[in-house]
Amino acid sequence: MTVQPHKPLPAAFDLNGKHALITGGAGLLGIEHACALVETGAVIVLTDLDENLLDQAVIEIRSRFPESIIHSWKMDVTDKASILSVSERLRESDIDLDILINNAAIDSKVDEHGNIENGGRFEDFELDDWQAQVDVGLTGAFLCSQVFGPPMAVREQGVILNIASDLSVIAPDQRIYRQEDLPENEQQKKAVTYSVIKTGLLGLTRYLAAYWGEQGVRVNALSPGGIQTSQSDAFVTRLTNLIPAGRMARKNEYASAVQFLCSDASQFMTGQNIVMDGGRSII
């Protein structure tokens, strides 16, 4: 069999010289989004609240892509003054932002024992927790778009990508979080906030796509399914039984979608939501 020689990426995917800002950049998917864009030539502005985690994220990205160009700046997406400070740093560095990825979120992660971090039963969910999670995952995307979007509109080019979730189009199936040794009134639950926030991101996506459409700013959403990390075997089994593909996602499987949505390869797509969940949301 003849093996075809390796070909460079199609020109439409080329992001050489483009600048992309990623919120929540020190998280699992934030790092993967950065690697996806570095691979296609982008310069990364990685932002997060935790500077130590940011430093670790930069080390990991550069271990995979030694020639990558990365700026890592502390930014609080819930604080407009913090976002404006980063905007000013961009201006001082003569950086025109081409891509914004609204990735920051507080998730209800499942650990190796089946416990849910940042979870909570609806009846007992505290208003302060609701507000804190909405502030990061939804208001943060609103504020970042409000600060970084208008300069894109002035230049009549730019991309905003909102990272949603399969739970933007389906409700959490609380059965997958069940622990057999607990009575019903003590069962842990996926928090109400996560799916509400991710659904809200789709509304923000459509609104901004229509608002800035004539100014050449495209706004889309990507809705990943669950990524297998260190969750309990029982949780993984329950969830994979709901996924036609028969498994959870690998952390790097969303890279090509990010490259597509952030490049000219998707230049006639705006206001849309790409769901990549192994088919979970179709049944």
C-alpha atoms as a PDB file:
ATOM      1  CA  MET A   1       0.000   0.000   0.000  1.00  0.00           C
ATOM      2  CA  THR A   2       1.295   3.428  -0.924  1.00  0.00           C
ATOM      3  CA  VAL A   3       1.383   5.894   1.963  1.00  0.00           C
ATOM      4  CA  GLN A   4       0.478   9.438   1.052  1.00  0.00           C
ATOM      5  CA  PRO A   5       3.056  12.026   2.127  1.00  0.00           C
ATOM      6  CA  HIS A   6       2.099  14.325   4.971  1.00  0.00           C
ATOM      7  CA  LYS A   7       0.430  17.489   3.790  1.00  0.00           C
ATOM      8  CA  PRO A   8       0.242  20.793   5.656  1.00  0.00           C
ATOM      9  CA  LEU A   9      -3.083  21.926   7.067  1.00  0.00           C
ATOM     10  CA  PRO A  10      -5.439  23.460   4.515  1.00  0.00           C
ATOM     11  CA  ALA A  11      -5.031  27.232   4.330  1.00  0.00           C
ATOM     12  CA  ALA A  12      -8.485  27.789   5.824  1.00  0.00           C
ATOM     13  CA  PHE A  13      -7.321  26.245   9.122  1.00  0.00           C
ATOM     14  CA  ASP A  14      -4.130  28.311   9.291  1.00  0.00           C
ATOM     15  CA  LEU A  15      -4.096  30.612  12.330  1.00  0.00           C
ATOM     16  CA  ASN A  16      -0.519  31.744  11.940  1.00  0.00           C
ATOM     17  CA  GLY A  17      -0.114  35.150  13.574  1.00  0.00           C
ATOM     18  CA  LYS A  18      -3.618  35.166  15.061  1.00  0.00           C
ATOM     19  CA  HIS A  19      -4.026  35.915  18.768  1.00  0.00           C
ATOM     20  CA  ALA A  20      -6.423  33.845  20.869  1.00  0.00           C
ATOM     21  CA  LEU A  21      -7.444  34.547  24.455  1.00  0.00           C
ATOM     22  CA  ILE A  22      -8.701  31.606  26.501  1.00  0.00           C
ATOM     23  CA  THR A  23     -10.465  32.025  29.844  1.00  0.00           C
ATOM     24  CA  GLY A  24     -10.145  29.265  32.409  1.00  0.00           C
ATOM     25  CA  GLY A  25      -6.960  28.460  30.549  1.00  0.00           C
ATOM     26  CA  ALA A  26      -5.335  26.454  33.343  1.00  0.00           C
ATOM     27  CA  GLY A  27      -8.115  23.859  33.384  1.00  0.00           C
ATOM     28  CA  LEU A  28      -8.198  20.523  31.609  1.00  0.00           C
ATOM     29  CA  LEU A  29     -10.011  21.755  28.501  1.00  0.00           C
ATOM     30  CA  GLY A  30      -8.375  25.185  28.571  1.00  0.00           C
ATOM     31  CA  ILE A  31      -4.996  23.546  28.052  1.00  0.00           C
ATOM     32  CA  GLU A  32      -6.369  21.376  25.245  1.00  0.00           C
ATOM     33  CA  HIS A  33      -7.945  24.380  23.492  1.00  0.00           C
ATOM     34  CA  ALA A  34      -4.602  26.178  23.689  1.00  0.00           C
ATOM     35  CA  CYS A  35      -2.754  23.197  22.215  1.00  0.00           C
ATOM     36  CA  ALA A  36      -5.291  22.938  19.404  1.00  0.00           C
ATOM     37  CA  LEU A  37      -4.751  26.562  18.416  1.00  0.00           C
ATOM     38  CA  VAL A  38      -0.970  26.485  18.885  1.00  0.00           C
ATOM     39  CA  GLU A  39      -0.903  23.536  16.477  1.00  0.00           C
ATOM     40  CA  THR A  40      -2.447  25.722  13.800  1.00  0.00           C
ATOM     41  CA  GLY A  41      -0.119  28.667  14.428  1.00  0.00           C
ATOM     42  CA  ALA A  42      -1.970  30.888  16.897  1.00  0.00           C
ATOM     43  CA  VAL A  43      -0.357  32.978  19.621  1.00  0.00           C
ATOM     44  CA  ILE A  44      -2.083  32.199  22.919  1.00  0.00           C
ATOM     45  CA  VAL A  45      -3.147  34.546  25.690  1.00  0.00           C
ATOM     46  CA  LEU A  46      -3.866  32.132  28.522  1.00  0.00           C
ATOM     47  CA  THR A  47      -5.855  33.581  31.417  1.00  0.00           C
ATOM     48  CA  ASP A  48      -7.013  32.196  34.733  1.00  0.00           C
ATOM     49  CA  LEU A  49      -7.452  33.255  38.344  1.00  0.00           C
ATOM     50  CA  ASP A  50      -4.728  30.962  39.721  1.00  0.00           C
ATOM     51  CA  GLU A  51      -1.264  32.086  38.625  1.00  0.00           C
ATOM     52  CA  ASN A  52       0.442  28.912  39.869  1.00  0.00           C
ATOM     53  CA  LEU A  53      -1.886  26.748  37.787  1.00  0.00           C
ATOM     54  CA  LEU A  54      -1.319  29.069  34.839  1.00  0.00           C
ATOM     55  CA  ASP A  55       2.435  28.529  35.123  1.00  0.00           C
ATOM     56  CA  GLN A  56       1.913  24.756  35.183  1.00  0.00           C
ATOM     57  CA  ALA A  57      -0.387  24.972  32.160  1.00  0.00           C
ATOM     58  CA  VAL A  58       2.214  26.891  30.178  1.00  0.00           C
ATOM     59  CA  ILE A  59       4.842  24.271  31.042  1.00  0.00           C
ATOM     60  CA  GLU A  60       2.545  21.495  29.832  1.00  0.00           C
ATOM     61  CA  ILE A  61       1.675  23.261  26.570  1.00  0.00           C
ATOM     62  CA  ARG A  62       5.326  24.006  25.826  1.00  0.00           C
ATOM     63  CA  SER A  63       6.284  20.410  26.589  1.00  0.00           C
ATOM     64  CA  ARG A  64       3.979  19.397  23.739  1.00  0.00           C
ATOM     65  CA  PHE A  65       4.676  22.387  21.488  1.00  0.00           C
ATOM     66  CA  PRO A  66       8.141  23.787  22.340  1.00  0.00           C
ATOM     67  CA  GLU A  67       7.911  26.601  19.778  1.00  0.00           C
ATOM     68  CA  SER A  68       4.580  27.889  21.069  1.00  0.00           C
ATOM     69  CA  ILE A  69       4.175  31.569  21.913  1.00  0.00           C
ATOM     70  CA  ILE A  70       2.109  31.983  25.071  1.00  0.00           C
ATOM     71  CA  HIS A  71       1.238  34.967  27.235  1.00  0.00           C
ATOM     72  CA  SER A  72      -0.171  33.920  30.615  1.00  0.00           C
ATOM     73  CA  TRP A  73      -2.002  36.600  32.563  1.00  0.00           C
ATOM     74  CA  LYS A  74      -4.093  36.468  35.698  1.00  0.00           C
ATOM     75  CA  MET A  75      -7.690  37.478  35.048  1.00  0.00           C
ATOM     76  CA  ASP A  76     -10.906  37.207  37.033  1.00  0.00           C
ATOM     77  CA  VAL A  77     -13.801  36.807  34.602  1.00  0.00           C
ATOM     78  CA  THR A  78     -16.274  37.949  37.276  1.00  0.00           C
ATOM     79  CA  ASP A  79     -14.516  41.305  37.666  1.00  0.00           C
ATOM     80  CA  LYS A  80     -14.858  43.730  34.764  1.00  0.00           C
ATOM     81  CA  ALA A  81     -11.928  45.810  36.056  1.00  0.00           C
ATOM     82  CA  SER A  82      -9.710  42.713  35.850  1.00  0.00           C
ATOM     83  CA  ILE A  83     -10.854  42.037  32.287  1.00  0.00           C
ATOM     84  CA  LEU A  84     -10.281  45.659  31.302  1.00  0.00           C
ATOM     85  CA  SER A  85      -6.784  45.441  32.789  1.00  0.00           C
ATOM     86  CA  VAL A  86      -5.991  42.526  30.481  1.00  0.00           C
ATOM     87  CA  SER A  87      -7.491  44.453  27.568  1.00  0.00           C
ATOM     88  CA  GLU A  88      -5.129  47.314  28.376  1.00  0.00           C
ATOM     89  CA  ARG A  89      -2.164  44.915  28.505  1.00  0.00           C
ATOM     90  CA  LEU A  90      -3.145  43.669  25.063  1.00  0.00           C
ATOM     91  CA  ARG A  91      -3.207  47.244  23.776  1.00  0.00           C
ATOM     92  CA  GLU A  92       0.172  48.020  25.341  1.00  0.00           C
ATOM     93  CA  SER A  93       1.599  44.868  23.750  1.00  0.00           C
ATOM     94  CA  ASP A  94       0.177  45.842  20.314  1.00  0.00           C
ATOM     95  CA  ILE A  95      -1.955  42.708  20.297  1.00  0.00           C
ATOM     96  CA  ASP A  96      -5.234  42.761  18.400  1.00  0.00           C
ATOM     97  CA  LEU A  97      -7.302  39.870  19.665  1.00  0.00           C
ATOM     98  CA  ASP A  98      -8.657  37.660  16.879  1.00  0.00           C
ATOM     99  CA  ILE A  99     -10.207  34.861  18.925  1.00  0.00           C
ATOM    100  CA  LEU A 100     -11.918  34.709  22.317  1.00  0.00           C
ATOM    101  CA  ILE A 101     -12.697  31.344  23.885  1.00  0.00           C
ATOM    102  CA  ASN A 102     -15.073  31.665  26.837  1.00  0.00           C
ATOM    103  CA  ASN A 103     -14.093  28.510  28.663  1.00  0.00           C
ATOM    104  CA  ALA A 104     -14.131  29.445  32.366  1.00  0.00           C
ATOM    105  CA  ALA A 105     -16.640  27.534  34.462  1.00  0.00           C
ATOM    106  CA  ILE A 106     -17.185  25.897  37.835  1.00  0.00           C
ATOM    107  CA  ASP A 107     -18.035  22.269  37.130  1.00  0.00           C
ATOM    108  CA  SER A 108     -19.498  19.527  39.290  1.00  0.00           C
ATOM    109  CA  LYS A 109     -16.681  17.020  38.848  1.00  0.00           C
ATOM    110  CA  VAL A 110     -16.929  13.407  39.968  1.00  0.00           C
ATOM    111  CA  ASP A 111     -13.903  12.011  41.810  1.00  0.00           C
ATOM    112  CA  GLU A 112     -12.540   8.456  42.031  1.00  0.00           C
ATOM    113  CA  HIS A 113     -14.882   7.729  44.945  1.00  0.00           C
ATOM    114  CA  GLY A 114     -17.995   8.885  43.127  1.00  0.00           C
ATOM    115  CA  ASN A 115     -18.316  12.109  45.118  1.00  0.00           C
ATOM    116  CA  ILE A 116     -19.470  15.253  43.291  1.00  0.00           C
ATOM    117  CA  GLU A 117     -17.410  18.407  43.717  1.00  0.00           C
ATOM    118  CA  ASN A 118     -19.526  21.575  43.618  1.00  0.00           C
ATOM    119  CA  GLY A 119     -22.661  19.485  43.431  1.00  0.00           C
ATOM    120  CA  GLY A 120     -25.779  19.841  45.537  1.00  0.00           C
ATOM    121  CA  ARG A 121     -29.390  18.788  45.851  1.00  0.00           C
ATOM    122  CA  PHE A 122     -31.778  21.295  44.328  1.00  0.00           C
ATOM    123  CA  GLU A 123     -33.849  21.642  47.501  1.00  0.00           C
ATOM    124  CA  ASP A 124     -30.799  22.673  49.516  1.00  0.00           C
ATOM    125  CA  PHE A 125     -28.762  24.541  46.917  1.00  0.00           C
ATOM    126  CA  GLU A 126     -27.516  27.810  48.384  1.00  0.00           C
ATOM    127  CA  LEU A 127     -28.182  31.103  46.609  1.00  0.00           C
ATOM    128  CA  ASP A 128     -24.558  32.133  47.171  1.00  0.00           C
ATOM    129  CA  ASP A 129     -23.366  28.998  45.338  1.00  0.00           C
ATOM    130  CA  TRP A 130     -25.848  29.655  42.522  1.00  0.00           C
ATOM    131  CA  GLN A 131     -24.604  33.222  42.142  1.00  0.00           C
ATOM    132  CA  ALA A 132     -20.912  32.309  42.309  1.00  0.00           C
ATOM    133  CA  GLN A 133     -21.234  29.672  39.605  1.00  0.00           C
ATOM    134  CA  VAL A 134     -23.418  31.818  37.346  1.00  0.00           C
ATOM    135  CA  ASP A 135     -20.950  34.684  37.784  1.00  0.00           C
ATOM    136  CA  VAL A 136     -18.077  32.579  36.452  1.00  0.00           C
ATOM    137  CA  GLY A 137     -19.739  30.513  33.767  1.00  0.00           C
ATOM    138  CA  LEU A 138     -22.295  32.909  32.273  1.00  0.00           C
ATOM    139  CA  THR A 139     -21.717  36.451  33.485  1.00  0.00           C
ATOM    140  CA  GLY A 140     -17.991  35.947  32.866  1.00  0.00           C
ATOM    141  CA  ALA A 141     -18.653  35.084  29.229  1.00  0.00           C
ATOM    142  CA  PHE A 142     -20.918  38.131  28.936  1.00  0.00           C
ATOM    143  CA  LEU A 143     -18.277  40.453  30.413  1.00  0.00           C
ATOM    144  CA  CYS A 144     -15.402  39.064  28.341  1.00  0.00           C
ATOM    145  CA  SER A 145     -17.468  39.329  25.173  1.00  0.00           C
ATOM    146  CA  GLN A 146     -18.450  42.865  26.131  1.00  0.00           C
ATOM    147  CA  VAL A 147     -14.807  43.896  26.553  1.00  0.00           C
ATOM    148  CA  PHE A 148     -13.047  41.911  23.824  1.00  0.00           C
ATOM    149  CA  GLY A 149     -15.820  41.727  21.224  1.00  0.00           C
ATOM    150  CA  PRO A 150     -16.230  45.409  20.248  1.00  0.00           C
ATOM    151  CA  PRO A 151     -12.627  45.830  19.007  1.00  0.00           C
ATOM    152  CA  MET A 152     -13.208  42.796  16.777  1.00  0.00           C
ATOM    153  CA  ALA A 153     -16.365  44.429  15.441  1.00  0.00           C
ATOM    154  CA  VAL A 154     -14.465  47.658  14.735  1.00  0.00           C
ATOM    155  CA  ARG A 155     -11.877  45.685  12.718  1.00  0.00           C
ATOM    156  CA  GLU A 156     -14.738  43.690  11.141  1.00  0.00           C
ATOM    157  CA  GLN A 157     -13.197  40.337  11.921  1.00  0.00           C
ATOM    158  CA  GLY A 158     -13.031  38.011  14.881  1.00  0.00           C
ATOM    159  CA  VAL A 159     -14.268  34.807  16.459  1.00  0.00           C
ATOM    160  CA  ILE A 160     -15.903  34.149  19.805  1.00  0.00           C
ATOM    161  CA  LEU A 161     -16.244  30.504  20.852  1.00  0.00           C
ATOM    162  CA  ASN A 162     -18.359  29.690  23.891  1.00  0.00           C
ATOM    163  CA  ILE A 163     -17.625  26.341  25.516  1.00  0.00           C
ATOM    164  CA  ALA A 164     -20.980  24.898  26.504  1.00  0.00           C
ATOM    165  CA  SER A 165     -21.733  21.227  27.252  1.00  0.00           C
ATOM    166  CA  ASP A 166     -23.937  18.343  26.221  1.00  0.00           C
ATOM    167  CA  LEU A 167     -25.931  19.492  29.258  1.00  0.00           C
ATOM    168  CA  SER A 168     -26.837  22.603  27.285  1.00  0.00           C
ATOM    169  CA  VAL A 169     -29.212  20.456  25.232  1.00  0.00           C
ATOM    170  CA  ILE A 170     -30.159  17.689  27.686  1.00  0.00           C
ATOM    171  CA  ALA A 171     -30.813  17.603  31.417  1.00  0.00           C
ATOM    172  CA  PRO A 172     -28.420  15.853  33.804  1.00  0.00           C
ATOM    173  CA  ASP A 173     -29.371  12.225  34.325  1.00  0.00           C
ATOM    174  CA  GLN A 174     -29.041  12.068  38.090  1.00  0.00           C
ATOM    175  CA  ARG A 175     -29.035   8.253  38.074  1.00  0.00           C
ATOM    176  CA  ILE A 176     -25.405   8.185  36.959  1.00  0.00           C
ATOM    177  CA  TYR A 177     -24.344   9.903  40.196  1.00  0.00           C
ATOM    178  CA  ARG A 178     -26.163   7.446  42.439  1.00  0.00           C
ATOM    179  CA  GLN A 179     -24.334   5.803  45.340  1.00  0.00           C
ATOM    180  CA  GLU A 180     -25.908   2.543  46.407  1.00  0.00           C
ATOM    181  CA  ASP A 181     -25.055   2.917  50.111  1.00  0.00           C
ATOM    182  CA  LEU A 182     -26.944   6.203  50.558  1.00  0.00           C
ATOM    183  CA  PRO A 183     -30.665   6.729  51.228  1.00  0.00           C
ATOM    184  CA  GLU A 184     -32.605   8.664  48.614  1.00  0.00           C
ATOM    185  CA  ASN A 185     -32.675  11.925  50.574  1.00  0.00           C
ATOM    186  CA  GLU A 186     -28.872  11.880  50.829  1.00  0.00           C
ATOM    187  CA  GLN A 187     -28.072  11.042  47.212  1.00  0.00           C
ATOM    188  CA  GLN A 188     -25.659  13.481  45.582  1.00  0.00           C
ATOM    189  CA  LYS A 189     -26.849  15.398  42.537  1.00  0.00           C
ATOM    190  CA  LYS A 190     -25.335  17.303  39.644  1.00  0.00           C
ATOM    191  CA  ALA A 191     -25.904  20.931  40.550  1.00  0.00           C
ATOM    192  CA  VAL A 192     -28.748  22.822  38.878  1.00  0.00           C
ATOM    193  CA  THR A 193     -26.354  25.616  37.906  1.00  0.00           C
ATOM    194  CA  TYR A 194     -24.254  23.773  35.353  1.00  0.00           C
ATOM    195  CA  SER A 195     -26.918  22.944  32.789  1.00  0.00           C
ATOM    196  CA  VAL A 196     -28.658  26.286  33.343  1.00  0.00           C
ATOM    197  CA  ILE A 197     -25.396  28.157  32.716  1.00  0.00           C
ATOM    198  CA  LYS A 198     -24.494  26.113  29.638  1.00  0.00           C
ATOM    199  CA  THR A 199     -27.989  26.537  28.209  1.00  0.00           C
ATOM    200  CA  GLY A 200     -27.658  30.271  28.829  1.00  0.00           C
ATOM    201  CA  LEU A 201     -24.398  30.289  26.888  1.00  0.00           C
ATOM    202  CA  LEU A 202     -26.288  29.079  23.821  1.00  0.00           C
ATOM    203  CA  GLY A 203     -28.631  32.055  24.131  1.00  0.00           C
ATOM    204  CA  LEU A 204     -25.663  34.403  24.438  1.00  0.00           C
ATOM    205  CA  THR A 205     -24.081  32.739  21.401  1.00  0.00           C
ATOM    206  CA  ARG A 206     -27.120  33.308  19.214  1.00  0.00           C
ATOM    207  CA  TYR A 207     -27.609  36.864  20.455  1.00  0.00           C
ATOM    208  CA  LEU A 208     -24.030  37.930  19.778  1.00  0.00           C
ATOM    209  CA  ALA A 209     -23.929  36.153  16.418  1.00  0.00           C
ATOM    210  CA  ALA A 210     -26.908  38.207  15.278  1.00  0.00           C
ATOM    211  CA  TYR A 211     -25.691  41.392  16.993  1.00  0.00           C
ATOM    212  CA  TRP A 212     -22.243  41.413  15.375  1.00  0.00           C
ATOM    213  CA  GLY A 213     -23.004  39.439  12.234  1.00  0.00           C
ATOM    214  CA  GLU A 214     -22.687  42.390   9.865  1.00  0.00           C
ATOM    215  CA  GLN A 215     -19.412  43.409  11.530  1.00  0.00           C
ATOM    216  CA  GLY A 216     -17.734  40.121  10.624  1.00  0.00           C
ATOM    217  CA  VAL A 217     -17.593  38.684  14.156  1.00  0.00           C
ATOM    218  CA  ARG A 218     -18.635  35.047  14.222  1.00  0.00           C
ATOM    219  CA  VAL A 219     -19.924  33.520  17.457  1.00  0.00           C
ATOM    220  CA  ASN A 220     -20.434  29.795  17.919  1.00  0.00           C
ATOM    221  CA  ALA A 221     -20.605  27.265  20.732  1.00  0.00           C
ATOM    222  CA  LEU A 222     -19.037  23.877  21.277  1.00  0.00           C
ATOM    223  CA  SER A 223     -20.807  21.396  23.544  1.00  0.00           C
ATOM    224  CA  PRO A 224     -18.454  18.635  24.699  1.00  0.00           C
ATOM    225  CA  GLY A 225     -19.537  15.459  26.403  1.00  0.00           C
ATOM    226  CA  GLY A 226     -17.926  14.078  29.545  1.00  0.00           C
ATOM    227  CA  ILE A 227     -14.179  13.457  29.540  1.00  0.00           C
ATOM    228  CA  GLN A 228     -12.881  10.363  31.280  1.00  0.00           C
ATOM    229  CA  THR A 229     -10.306  11.275  33.908  1.00  0.00           C
ATOM    230  CA  SER A 230     -10.243   9.698  37.362  1.00  0.00           C
ATOM    231  CA  GLN A 231     -13.945   9.134  37.968  1.00  0.00           C
ATOM    232  CA  SER A 232     -15.149   6.034  39.789  1.00  0.00           C
ATOM    233  CA  ASP A 233     -15.672   2.871  37.742  1.00  0.00           C
ATOM    234  CA  ALA A 234     -19.364   2.831  38.683  1.00  0.00           C
ATOM    235  CA  PHE A 235     -19.875   6.358  37.353  1.00  0.00           C
ATOM    236  CA  VAL A 236     -17.999   5.658  34.125  1.00  0.00           C
ATOM    237  CA  THR A 237     -20.029   2.492  33.535  1.00  0.00           C
ATOM    238  CA  ARG A 238     -23.361   4.238  34.129  1.00  0.00           C
ATOM    239  CA  LEU A 239     -22.463   7.118  31.835  1.00  0.00           C
ATOM    240  CA  THR A 240     -21.039   5.012  29.004  1.00  0.00           C
ATOM    241  CA  ASN A 241     -24.250   2.989  29.013  1.00  0.00           C
ATOM    242  CA  LEU A 242     -25.995   6.202  27.903  1.00  0.00           C
ATOM    243  CA  ILE A 243     -23.506   6.962  25.113  1.00  0.00           C
ATOM    244  CA  PRO A 244     -23.979   5.237  21.736  1.00  0.00           C
ATOM    245  CA  ALA A 245     -20.217   5.452  21.099  1.00  0.00           C
ATOM    246  CA  GLY A 246     -19.775   3.272  24.182  1.00  0.00           C
ATOM    247  CA  ARG A 247     -17.222   5.411  26.010  1.00  0.00           C
ATOM    248  CA  MET A 248     -16.463   8.830  27.443  1.00  0.00           C
ATOM    249  CA  ALA A 249     -14.363  11.343  25.532  1.00  0.00           C
ATOM    250  CA  ARG A 250     -10.588  11.615  25.577  1.00  0.00           C
ATOM    251  CA  LYS A 251      -9.351  15.046  26.559  1.00  0.00           C
ATOM    252  CA  ASN A 252      -7.818  15.814  23.133  1.00  0.00           C
ATOM    253  CA  GLU A 253     -10.817  14.789  21.033  1.00  0.00           C
ATOM    254  CA  TYR A 254     -12.269  18.299  20.800  1.00  0.00           C
ATOM    255  CA  ALA A 255      -9.141  19.844  19.277  1.00  0.00           C
ATOM    256  CA  SER A 256     -10.208  19.557  15.651  1.00  0.00           C
ATOM    257  CA  ALA A 257     -13.591  21.138  16.393  1.00  0.00           C
ATOM    258  CA  VAL A 258     -11.877  24.062  18.125  1.00  0.00           C
ATOM    259  CA  GLN A 259      -9.552  24.489  15.148  1.00  0.00           C
ATOM    260  CA  PHE A 260     -12.520  24.425  12.782  1.00  0.00           C
ATOM    261  CA  LEU A 261     -14.647  26.881  14.755  1.00  0.00           C
ATOM    262  CA  CYS A 262     -11.806  29.356  15.338  1.00  0.00           C
ATOM    263  CA  SER A 263     -10.539  29.413  11.754  1.00  0.00           C
ATOM    264  CA  ASP A 264     -11.762  30.412   8.315  1.00  0.00           C
ATOM    265  CA  ALA A 265     -12.729  26.783   7.758  1.00  0.00           C
ATOM    266  CA  SER A 266     -16.024  27.739   9.435  1.00  0.00           C
ATOM    267  CA  GLN A 267     -16.262  31.227   7.959  1.00  0.00           C
ATOM    268  CA  PHE A 268     -19.937  30.832   6.961  1.00  0.00           C
ATOM    269  CA  MET A 269     -20.983  29.393  10.340  1.00  0.00           C
ATOM    270  CA  THR A 270     -22.245  31.611  13.120  1.00  0.00           C
ATOM    271  CA  GLY A 271     -24.769  31.307  15.931  1.00  0.00           C
ATOM    272  CA  GLN A 272     -24.468  27.524  15.960  1.00  0.00           C
ATOM    273  CA  ASN A 273     -23.785  24.867  18.576  1.00  0.00           C
ATOM    274  CA  ILE A 274     -21.696  21.816  17.730  1.00  0.00           C
ATOM    275  CA  VAL A 275     -22.504  18.927  20.063  1.00  0.00           C
ATOM    276  CA  MET A 276     -19.713  16.354  20.430  1.00  0.00           C
ATOM    277  CA  ASP A 277     -20.952  13.844  22.985  1.00  0.00           C
ATOM    278  CA  GLY A 278     -20.551  10.409  21.398  1.00  0.00           C
ATOM    279  CA  GLY A 279     -24.256  10.504  20.567  1.00  0.00           C
ATOM    280  CA  ARG A 280     -25.530  10.784  24.137  1.00  0.00           C
ATOM    281  CA  SER A 281     -27.959  13.595  23.347  1.00  0.00           C
ATOM    282  CA  ILE A 282     -29.651  11.760  20.455  1.00  0.00           C
ATOM    283  CA  ILE A 283     -31.335   9.086  22.561  1.00  0.00           C
END
